[in-house]
C-alpha atoms as a PDB file:
ATOM      1  CA  MET A   1       0.098   0.090  -0.088  1.00  0.00           C
ATOM      2  CA  THR A   2       1.005   3.427  -0.721  1.00  0.00           C
ATOM      3  CA  PHE A   3      -0.059   6.583   1.260  1.00  0.00           C
ATOM      4  CA  ASP A   4       0.363   8.897  -1.663  1.00  0.00           C
ATOM      5  CA  GLY A   5      -3.110  10.759  -2.045  1.00  0.00           C
ATOM      6  CA  LYS A   6      -4.865   9.121   0.753  1.00  0.00           C
ATOM      7  CA  ILE A   7      -6.993  10.709   3.072  1.00  0.00           C
ATOM      8  CA  VAL A   8      -5.945  10.094   6.592  1.00  0.00           C
ATOM      9  CA  TRP A   9      -7.980  11.327   9.472  1.00  0.00           C
ATOM     10  CA  ILE A  10      -6.085  11.007  13.256  1.00  0.00           C
ATOM     11  CA  THR A  11      -7.470  11.838  16.479  1.00  0.00           C
ATOM     12  CA  GLY A  12      -5.486  13.209  19.376  1.00  0.00           C
ATOM     13  CA  ALA A  13      -3.248  14.851  16.318  1.00  0.00           C
ATOM     14  CA  SER A  14      -1.875  17.643  18.546  1.00  0.00           C
ATOM     15  CA  SER A  15       0.866  15.643  20.284  1.00  0.00           C
ATOM     16  CA  GLY A  16       2.701  12.730  20.941  1.00  0.00           C
ATOM     17  CA  ILE A  17       2.022   9.500  18.849  1.00  0.00           C
ATOM     18  CA  GLY A  18      -0.637  11.457  16.997  1.00  0.00           C
ATOM     19  CA  GLU A  19       1.315  14.446  15.880  1.00  0.00           C
ATOM     20  CA  ALA A  20       4.289  11.970  14.886  1.00  0.00           C
ATOM     21  CA  LEU A  21       1.678  10.153  12.788  1.00  0.00           C
ATOM     22  CA  ALA A  22       0.566  13.099  11.013  1.00  0.00           C
ATOM     23  CA  LYS A  23       3.999  13.834  10.061  1.00  0.00           C
ATOM     24  CA  ALA A  24       5.015  10.277   8.850  1.00  0.00           C
ATOM     25  CA  PHE A  25       1.692   9.923   6.967  1.00  0.00           C
ATOM     26  CA  ALA A  26       2.291  13.413   5.227  1.00  0.00           C
ATOM     27  CA  ALA A  27       6.008  12.664   4.374  1.00  0.00           C
ATOM     28  CA  GLN A  28       4.597   9.903   2.260  1.00  0.00           C
ATOM     29  CA  GLY A  29       2.193  11.957   0.482  1.00  0.00           C
ATOM     30  CA  ALA A  30      -1.162  11.784   2.619  1.00  0.00           C
ATOM     31  CA  HIS A  31      -3.243  14.733   3.075  1.00  0.00           C
ATOM     32  CA  ILE A  32      -4.341  14.871   7.046  1.00  0.00           C
ATOM     33  CA  ILE A  33      -7.159  15.523   8.991  1.00  0.00           C
ATOM     34  CA  LEU A  34      -5.972  16.520  12.375  1.00  0.00           C
ATOM     35  CA  SER A  35      -8.292  16.297  15.146  1.00  0.00           C
ATOM     36  CA  GLY A  36      -8.176  16.936  18.981  1.00  0.00           C
ATOM     37  CA  ARG A  37      -9.637  19.406  21.465  1.00  0.00           C
ATOM     38  CA  ARG A  38      -7.173  21.907  21.274  1.00  0.00           C
ATOM     39  CA  THR A  39      -7.257  24.202  18.065  1.00  0.00           C
ATOM     40  CA  ASP A  40      -4.256  25.759  18.761  1.00  0.00           C
ATOM     41  CA  ALA A  41      -1.853  22.954  18.918  1.00  0.00           C
ATOM     42  CA  LEU A  42      -3.401  21.364  15.959  1.00  0.00           C
ATOM     43  CA  GLU A  43      -2.648  24.263  13.897  1.00  0.00           C
ATOM     44  CA  GLN A  44       0.633  24.140  15.000  1.00  0.00           C
ATOM     45  CA  VAL A  45       1.076  20.262  13.638  1.00  0.00           C
ATOM     46  CA  ALA A  46      -0.502  21.793  10.743  1.00  0.00           C
ATOM     47  CA  ALA A  47       2.085  24.406  10.282  1.00  0.00           C
ATOM     48  CA  GLY A  48       4.502  21.821   9.950  1.00  0.00           C
ATOM     49  CA  ILE A  49       3.031  19.475   7.459  1.00  0.00           C
ATOM     50  CA  ALA A  50       3.758  20.308   3.310  1.00  0.00           C
ATOM     51  CA  THR A  51       0.653  18.262   2.195  1.00  0.00           C
ATOM     52  CA  ASP A  52      -3.030  19.366   2.612  1.00  0.00           C
ATOM     53  CA  THR A  53      -4.501  19.394   6.166  1.00  0.00           C
ATOM     54  CA  LEU A  54      -7.642  20.011   7.705  1.00  0.00           C
ATOM     55  CA  VAL A  55      -7.716  20.973  11.206  1.00  0.00           C
ATOM     56  CA  LEU A  56     -11.167  19.679  12.790  1.00  0.00           C
ATOM     57  CA  PRO A  57     -11.108  19.870  16.548  1.00  0.00           C
ATOM     58  CA  PHE A  58     -13.824  18.202  18.956  1.00  0.00           C
ATOM     59  CA  GLU A  59     -14.424  16.553  21.982  1.00  0.00           C
ATOM     60  CA  THR A  60     -14.270  12.824  21.117  1.00  0.00           C
ATOM     61  CA  THR A  61     -16.830  12.429  23.745  1.00  0.00           C
ATOM     62  CA  ASP A  62     -19.600  14.926  22.364  1.00  0.00           C
ATOM     63  CA  TYR A  63     -21.678  12.101  20.514  1.00  0.00           C
ATOM     64  CA  GLU A  64     -24.219  14.643  19.488  1.00  0.00           C
ATOM     65  CA  ALA A  65     -21.486  16.410  17.516  1.00  0.00           C
ATOM     66  CA  LEU A  66     -19.818  13.595  15.929  1.00  0.00           C
ATOM     67  CA  PRO A  67     -22.115  12.796  13.210  1.00  0.00           C
ATOM     68  CA  VAL A  68     -21.568  16.440  11.973  1.00  0.00           C
ATOM     69  CA  LYS A  69     -18.024  16.018  12.120  1.00  0.00           C
ATOM     70  CA  VAL A  70     -17.723  13.084  10.096  1.00  0.00           C
ATOM     71  CA  GLU A  71     -19.491  14.785   7.624  1.00  0.00           C
ATOM     72  CA  GLN A  72     -16.995  17.463   7.484  1.00  0.00           C
ATOM     73  CA  ALA A  73     -13.975  15.212   7.221  1.00  0.00           C
ATOM     74  CA  ARG A  74     -15.789  13.091   4.244  1.00  0.00           C
ATOM     75  CA  ASN A  75     -16.785  16.731   2.513  1.00  0.00           C
ATOM     76  CA  TRP A  76     -13.079  17.972   2.634  1.00  0.00           C
ATOM     77  CA  LYS A  77     -11.775  15.494  -0.046  1.00  0.00           C
ATOM     78  CA  GLY A  78     -14.986  13.219  -0.657  1.00  0.00           C
ATOM     79  CA  GLN A  79     -13.497  10.049   1.554  1.00  0.00           C
ATOM     80  CA  ILE A  80     -11.515   8.978   3.972  1.00  0.00           C
ATOM     81  CA  ASP A  81      -9.187   6.088   3.497  1.00  0.00           C
ATOM     82  CA  ILE A  82      -7.661   5.856   6.881  1.00  0.00           C
ATOM     83  CA  LEU A  83      -9.228   6.185  10.445  1.00  0.00           C
ATOM     84  CA  VAL A  84      -6.459   6.408  13.489  1.00  0.00           C
ATOM     85  CA  ASN A  85      -8.294   6.363  16.825  1.00  0.00           C
ATOM     86  CA  ASN A  86      -5.461   7.528  18.845  1.00  0.00           C
ATOM     87  CA  ALA A  87      -7.125   9.866  21.212  1.00  0.00           C
ATOM     88  CA  GLY A  88      -7.038   8.638  25.011  1.00  0.00           C
ATOM     89  CA  ILE A  89      -6.167   9.115  28.477  1.00  0.00           C
ATOM     90  CA  SER A  90      -4.485   7.000  31.019  1.00  0.00           C
ATOM     91  CA  GLN A  91      -4.566   6.508  34.669  1.00  0.00           C
ATOM     92  CA  ARG A  92      -2.615   6.307  37.865  1.00  0.00           C
ATOM     93  CA  SER A  93      -4.452   5.240  40.969  1.00  0.00           C
ATOM     94  CA  LEU A  94      -5.582   1.900  42.389  1.00  0.00           C
ATOM     95  CA  ALA A  95      -8.812  -0.070  41.821  1.00  0.00           C
ATOM     96  CA  LEU A  96      -9.588   0.344  45.590  1.00  0.00           C
ATOM     97  CA  ASP A  97      -9.700   3.960  45.977  1.00  0.00           C
ATOM     98  CA  THR A  98     -10.766   5.128  42.398  1.00  0.00           C
ATOM     99  CA  HIS A  99     -14.328   6.650  42.131  1.00  0.00           C
ATOM    100  CA  PRO A 100     -16.562   5.318  39.479  1.00  0.00           C
ATOM    101  CA  GLU A 101     -16.582   8.496  37.441  1.00  0.00           C
ATOM    102  CA  ILE A 102     -12.887   8.055  36.726  1.00  0.00           C
ATOM    103  CA  HIS A 103     -13.724   4.754  35.154  1.00  0.00           C
ATOM    104  CA  SER A 104     -16.531   5.943  33.367  1.00  0.00           C
ATOM    105  CA  THR A 105     -14.498   8.961  31.944  1.00  0.00           C
ATOM    106  CA  ILE A 106     -11.619   6.507  30.781  1.00  0.00           C
ATOM    107  CA  ILE A 107     -13.992   4.197  29.292  1.00  0.00           C
ATOM    108  CA  ASN A 108     -15.923   6.879  27.789  1.00  0.00           C
ATOM    109  CA  VAL A 109     -12.573   8.366  25.855  1.00  0.00           C
ATOM    110  CA  ASP A 110     -10.555   5.235  25.337  1.00  0.00           C
ATOM    111  CA  LEU A 111     -13.196   3.022  24.211  1.00  0.00           C
ATOM    112  CA  LEU A 112     -17.047   4.504  23.551  1.00  0.00           C
ATOM    113  CA  ALA A 113     -15.541   7.439  21.549  1.00  0.00           C
ATOM    114  CA  PRO A 114     -13.576   5.464  18.925  1.00  0.00           C
ATOM    115  CA  ILE A 115     -16.104   2.896  18.820  1.00  0.00           C
ATOM    116  CA  TRP A 116     -18.950   5.461  18.009  1.00  0.00           C
ATOM    117  CA  LEU A 117     -16.584   7.400  15.683  1.00  0.00           C
ATOM    118  CA  THR A 118     -15.780   4.076  13.423  1.00  0.00           C
ATOM    119  CA  GLN A 119     -19.386   3.249  13.697  1.00  0.00           C
ATOM    120  CA  LEU A 120     -20.455   6.595  12.075  1.00  0.00           C
ATOM    121  CA  LEU A 121     -17.594   6.182   9.582  1.00  0.00           C
ATOM    122  CA  LEU A 122     -18.158   2.708   8.704  1.00  0.00           C
ATOM    123  CA  PRO A 123     -21.143   2.782   6.122  1.00  0.00           C
ATOM    124  CA  HIS A 124     -18.893   5.497   3.835  1.00  0.00           C
ATOM    125  CA  MET A 125     -16.007   2.884   3.857  1.00  0.00           C
ATOM    126  CA  ILE A 126     -18.320   0.171   3.300  1.00  0.00           C
ATOM    127  CA  ALA A 127     -19.861   2.334   0.260  1.00  0.00           C
ATOM    128  CA  ALA A 128     -16.322   3.019  -1.142  1.00  0.00           C
ATOM    129  CA  GLY A 129     -15.371  -0.570  -1.409  1.00  0.00           C
ATOM    130  CA  SER A 130     -12.321  -0.309   0.704  1.00  0.00           C
ATOM    131  CA  GLY A 131     -10.639   1.479   3.925  1.00  0.00           C
ATOM    132  CA  HIS A 132      -8.304   0.968   7.077  1.00  0.00           C
ATOM    133  CA  ILE A 133      -9.500   1.389  10.757  1.00  0.00           C
ATOM    134  CA  VAL A 134      -6.516   1.795  13.223  1.00  0.00           C
ATOM    135  CA  GLY A 135      -7.188   1.598  17.069  1.00  0.00           C
ATOM    136  CA  ILE A 136      -4.210   2.564  19.027  1.00  0.00           C
ATOM    137  CA  SER A 137      -4.687   0.391  22.231  1.00  0.00           C
ATOM    138  CA  SER A 138      -1.681  -0.596  24.594  1.00  0.00           C
ATOM    139  CA  VAL A 139       0.300  -3.138  25.797  1.00  0.00           C
ATOM    140  CA  ALA A 140      -2.144  -2.584  28.941  1.00  0.00           C
ATOM    141  CA  GLY A 141      -4.753  -3.583  26.059  1.00  0.00           C
ATOM    142  CA  ARG A 142      -3.243  -7.301  26.764  1.00  0.00           C
ATOM    143  CA  VAL A 143      -1.766  -7.255  30.324  1.00  0.00           C
ATOM    144  CA  GLY A 144      -3.489  -6.066  33.317  1.00  0.00           C
ATOM    145  CA  VAL A 145      -1.195  -3.552  34.684  1.00  0.00           C
ATOM    146  CA  PRO A 146      -1.126  -2.053  38.271  1.00  0.00           C
ATOM    147  CA  LEU A 147      -2.673   1.592  38.713  1.00  0.00           C
ATOM    148  CA  ARG A 148      -4.735   1.518  35.251  1.00  0.00           C
ATOM    149  CA  THR A 149      -7.516  -0.729  35.996  1.00  0.00           C
ATOM    150  CA  ALA A 150      -9.939   1.489  34.058  1.00  0.00           C
ATOM    151  CA  TYR A 151      -7.328   2.245  31.388  1.00  0.00           C
ATOM    152  CA  CYS A 152      -6.768  -1.736  31.076  1.00  0.00           C
ATOM    153  CA  ALA A 153     -10.360  -2.263  30.834  1.00  0.00           C
ATOM    154  CA  ALA A 154     -10.716   0.095  27.790  1.00  0.00           C
ATOM    155  CA  LYS A 155      -7.662  -0.506  26.315  1.00  0.00           C
ATOM    156  CA  HIS A 156      -8.686  -4.503  26.270  1.00  0.00           C
ATOM    157  CA  GLY A 157     -12.451  -3.337  25.202  1.00  0.00           C
ATOM    158  CA  LEU A 158     -11.295  -1.467  22.125  1.00  0.00           C
ATOM    159  CA  ILE A 159      -8.599  -4.581  21.267  1.00  0.00           C
ATOM    160  CA  GLY A 160     -12.058  -6.865  21.099  1.00  0.00           C
ATOM    161  CA  TYR A 161     -14.296  -4.521  19.393  1.00  0.00           C
ATOM    162  CA  MET A 162     -11.594  -4.117  16.627  1.00  0.00           C
ATOM    163  CA  ASP A 163     -10.964  -7.750  16.427  1.00  0.00           C
ATOM    164  CA  ALA A 164     -14.612  -8.472  16.034  1.00  0.00           C
ATOM    165  CA  LEU A 165     -14.692  -5.582  13.432  1.00  0.00           C
ATOM    166  CA  ARG A 166     -12.132  -7.136  11.327  1.00  0.00           C
ATOM    167  CA  ALA A 167     -13.823 -10.493  11.420  1.00  0.00           C
ATOM    168  CA  GLU A 168     -16.856  -8.605   9.826  1.00  0.00           C
ATOM    169  CA  VAL A 169     -15.737  -6.561   7.355  1.00  0.00           C
ATOM    170  CA  GLU A 170     -12.043  -7.511   6.247  1.00  0.00           C
ATOM    171  CA  LYS A 171     -13.263 -10.213   3.463  1.00  0.00           C
ATOM    172  CA  LEU A 172     -16.538  -8.749   2.652  1.00  0.00           C
ATOM    173  CA  HIS A 173     -15.782  -5.301   2.390  1.00  0.00           C
ATOM    174  CA  ASN A 174     -12.103  -4.744   1.939  1.00  0.00           C
ATOM    175  CA  ILE A 175     -12.149  -3.007   5.106  1.00  0.00           C
ATOM    176  CA  HIS A 176      -8.515  -3.658   7.118  1.00  0.00           C
ATOM    177  CA  VAL A 177      -8.546  -3.399  10.760  1.00  0.00           C
ATOM    178  CA  THR A 178      -5.197  -2.758  12.854  1.00  0.00           C
ATOM    179  CA  ASN A 179      -4.471  -2.623  16.550  1.00  0.00           C
ATOM    180  CA  ILE A 180      -1.396  -0.912  17.624  1.00  0.00           C
ATOM    181  CA  LEU A 181      -0.201  -2.329  21.273  1.00  0.00           C
ATOM    182  CA  PRO A 182       2.372   0.742  22.195  1.00  0.00           C
ATOM    183  CA  GLY A 183       4.523   0.276  25.321  1.00  0.00           C
ATOM    184  CA  SER A 184       6.185   3.347  26.772  1.00  0.00           C
ATOM    185  CA  ILE A 185       6.526   5.905  24.386  1.00  0.00           C
ATOM    186  CA  ARG A 186       8.110   9.118  25.063  1.00  0.00           C
ATOM    187  CA  THR A 187       4.918  11.394  25.436  1.00  0.00           C
ATOM    188  CA  ASN A 188       3.163  13.135  27.624  1.00  0.00           C
ATOM    189  CA  VAL A 189       0.770  10.088  28.498  1.00  0.00           C
ATOM    190  CA  SER A 190       1.793  10.058  32.254  1.00  0.00           C
ATOM    191  CA  ARG A 191       1.523  13.789  32.920  1.00  0.00           C
ATOM    192  CA  ASN A 192      -2.326  14.036  31.603  1.00  0.00           C
ATOM    193  CA  ALA A 193      -3.239  10.649  33.285  1.00  0.00           C
ATOM    194  CA  LEU A 194      -6.302  10.534  35.693  1.00  0.00           C
ATOM    195  CA  THR A 195      -5.614  10.249  39.292  1.00  0.00           C
ATOM    196  CA  ARG A 196      -8.162   8.761  41.685  1.00  0.00           C
ATOM    197  CA  GLY A 197      -9.933  12.052  42.173  1.00  0.00           C
ATOM    198  CA  GLY A 198      -9.683  12.913  38.690  1.00  0.00           C
ATOM    199  CA  GLU A 199      -7.279  15.567  38.573  1.00  0.00           C
ATOM    200  CA  ARG A 200      -4.031  15.463  36.121  1.00  0.00           C
ATOM    201  CA  ARG A 201      -1.320  13.590  37.541  1.00  0.00           C
ATOM    202  CA  GLY A 202       0.976  16.360  36.233  1.00  0.00           C
ATOM    203  CA  LYS A 203       4.506  14.333  36.412  1.00  0.00           C
ATOM    204  CA  SER A 204       5.737  11.464  34.095  1.00  0.00           C
ATOM    205  CA  ASP A 205       7.222   8.075  34.756  1.00  0.00           C
ATOM    206  CA  ALA A 206      10.632   6.861  34.518  1.00  0.00           C
ATOM    207  CA  ALA A 207       9.621   4.272  31.895  1.00  0.00           C
ATOM    208  CA  ILE A 208       7.815   6.774  29.905  1.00  0.00           C
ATOM    209  CA  ASP A 209      10.894   9.134  30.013  1.00  0.00           C
ATOM    210  CA  ASN A 210      13.226   6.312  28.710  1.00  0.00           C
ATOM    211  CA  GLY A 211      10.820   4.912  26.383  1.00  0.00           C
ATOM    212  CA  MET A 212      10.841   4.709  22.573  1.00  0.00           C
ATOM    213  CA  GLU A 213      10.618   7.871  20.604  1.00  0.00           C
ATOM    214  CA  PRO A 214       6.880   8.721  18.940  1.00  0.00           C
ATOM    215  CA  ASP A 215       8.825   9.237  15.546  1.00  0.00           C
ATOM    216  CA  GLU A 216      10.067   5.341  15.782  1.00  0.00           C
ATOM    217  CA  CYS A 217       6.575   4.266  17.091  1.00  0.00           C
ATOM    218  CA  ALA A 218       4.995   6.235  13.945  1.00  0.00           C
ATOM    219  CA  ARG A 219       7.333   4.560  11.502  1.00  0.00           C
ATOM    220  CA  GLN A 220       6.522   0.977  12.814  1.00  0.00           C
ATOM    221  CA  ILE A 221       2.671   2.000  12.572  1.00  0.00           C
ATOM    222  CA  LEU A 222       2.867   3.161   8.904  1.00  0.00           C
ATOM    223  CA  ASP A 223       4.645  -0.048   8.131  1.00  0.00           C
ATOM    224  CA  ALA A 224       1.804  -2.239   9.723  1.00  0.00           C
ATOM    225  CA  VAL A 225      -1.041  -0.381   7.770  1.00  0.00           C
ATOM    226  CA  ALA A 226       1.032  -0.514   4.673  1.00  0.00           C
ATOM    227  CA  ASN A 227       1.182  -4.273   5.220  1.00  0.00           C
ATOM    228  CA  ASN A 228      -2.255  -4.924   6.449  1.00  0.00           C
ATOM    229  CA  VAL A 229      -0.810  -6.242   9.606  1.00  0.00           C
ATOM    230  CA  PRO A 230      -3.954  -6.982  12.085  1.00  0.00           C
ATOM    231  CA  GLU A 231      -2.200  -6.368  15.375  1.00  0.00           C
ATOM    232  CA  LEU A 232       1.342  -5.042  16.174  1.00  0.00           C
ATOM    233  CA  ILE A 233       2.973  -5.054  19.791  1.00  0.00           C
ATOM    234  CA  ILE A 234       5.423  -1.883  19.893  1.00  0.00           C
ATOM    235  CA  ALA A 235       7.401  -2.282  22.777  1.00  0.00           C
ATOM    236  CA  GLU A 236      10.838  -3.497  24.326  1.00  0.00           C
ATOM    237  CA  GLY A 237      12.428  -5.237  27.036  1.00  0.00           C
ATOM    238  CA  MET A 238       9.899  -6.317  29.896  1.00  0.00           C
ATOM    239  CA  GLU A 239       7.025  -5.022  28.179  1.00  0.00           C
ATOM    240  CA  GLN A 240       7.464  -6.510  25.081  1.00  0.00           C
ATOM    241  CA  GLN A 241       8.300  -9.902  27.237  1.00  0.00           C
ATOM    242  CA  ILE A 242       5.194  -9.769  29.155  1.00  0.00           C
ATOM    243  CA  ALA A 243       2.815  -8.612  26.105  1.00  0.00           C
ATOM    244  CA  LEU A 244       4.398 -11.911  24.417  1.00  0.00           C
ATOM    245  CA  LEU A 245       4.096 -14.287  27.395  1.00  0.00           C
ATOM    246  CA  ARG A 246       0.182 -13.030  27.984  1.00  0.00           C
ATOM    247  CA  GLN A 247      -0.431 -15.010  24.942  1.00  0.00           C
ATOM    248  CA  SER A 248       1.924 -17.951  25.114  1.00  0.00           C
ATOM    249  CA  GLU A 249       2.387 -18.383  28.699  1.00  0.00           C
ATOM    250  CA  PRO A 250      -0.620 -16.655  30.787  1.00  0.00           C
ATOM    251  CA  GLU A 251       0.091 -18.076  33.962  1.00  0.00           C
ATOM    252  CA  GLN A 252       4.018 -17.116  33.877  1.00  0.00           C
ATOM    253  CA  ALA A 253       2.657 -13.569  32.841  1.00  0.00           C
ATOM    254  CA  PHE A 254       0.356 -13.424  35.759  1.00  0.00           C
ATOM    255  CA  ALA A 255       3.160 -14.273  38.138  1.00  0.00           C
ATOM    256  CA  MET A 256       5.062 -11.620  36.867  1.00  0.00           C
ATOM    257  CA  THR A 257       2.395  -8.855  36.879  1.00  0.00           C
ATOM    258  CA  ALA A 258       1.549  -9.761  40.328  1.00  0.00           C
ATOM    259  CA  ALA A 259       4.816  -9.566  41.867  1.00  0.00           C
ATOM    260  CA  MET A 260       5.378  -6.279  40.038  1.00  0.00           C
ATOM    261  CA  GLY A 261       2.048  -5.161  41.115  1.00  0.00           C
ATOM    262  CA  ALA A 262       2.639  -5.915  44.628  1.00  0.00           C
ATOM    263  CA  GLN A 263       5.565  -3.722  44.628  1.00  0.00           C
ATOM    264  CA  ILE A 264       3.676  -0.879  43.283  1.00  0.00           C
ATOM    265  CA  ALA A 265       0.491  -0.833  45.109  1.00  0.00           C
ATOM    266  CA  GLU A 266       2.782  -0.745  48.449  1.00  0.00           C
ATOM    267  CA  LYS A 267       5.056   1.906  46.982  1.00  0.00           C
ATOM    268  CA  TYR A 268       1.511   3.863  45.900  1.00  0.00           C
ATOM    269  CA  GLU A 269      -0.183   3.378  49.305  1.00  0.00           C
ATOM    270  CA  ALA A 270       3.113   5.028  50.833  1.00  0.00           C
ATOM    271  CA  GLY A 271       2.834   8.104  48.516  1.00  0.00           C
ATOM    272  CA  ASP A 272       5.270   7.291  45.917  1.00  0.00           C
ATOM    273  CA  ASP A 273       3.479   6.506  42.664  1.00  0.00           C
ATOM    274  CA  ASP A 274       6.876   7.327  40.283  1.00  0.00           C
END
């Protein structure tokens, strides 16, 4: 697959993986629709892209507004070839003391919003006879990670939805579906994570700070989309190992996460969540 002239719609495009994807797709000739909540940040990304761009800001959980946004996106160039569901928010709190509203917020943003956007765009891809839908899940969508119960629930759910969707549309409608499972990528995901009371955490993790560069993550995602790869784990070291073990040797993976979780929970309860 070549991306020259393709129309790529990316949510969460104002920074991190989304910004890196926008620039990577554009470098291969794609035209980019940039979506997120911050218009000024999206415009800054657009200013660094040589191909045609459409800045289309919206709140992903504003379900009443989404049909209009889908029409605006489609009317820009007449179609959407690739949808990248990248917008999301993480969590840093124990299940024991996390308010139910935090679970609702994260599941809304990370699971229900990408499902609904995909559902709205899907009939148009079917009518066009082709398309590609990308879900940015996480290693935490395959492995239960401490301090991230709501996030894991949402990211596990996104993988399940995308897998079921692929089974329905790949052969019948020539629509490909790719799940991406990143590990630690050097972004603001930890700083923006919600704490038990719903506040932004405001600080990063050492694992994130030492993680993969977003540009390298984007390069691997483009390769996966170009080759119609159903699922790709983008992780290194222990994160990659435990994600693969969850599939091949689940008991070993459970033992590793239990040991890790006990240590992390103890530190968290002592006031150290780094």
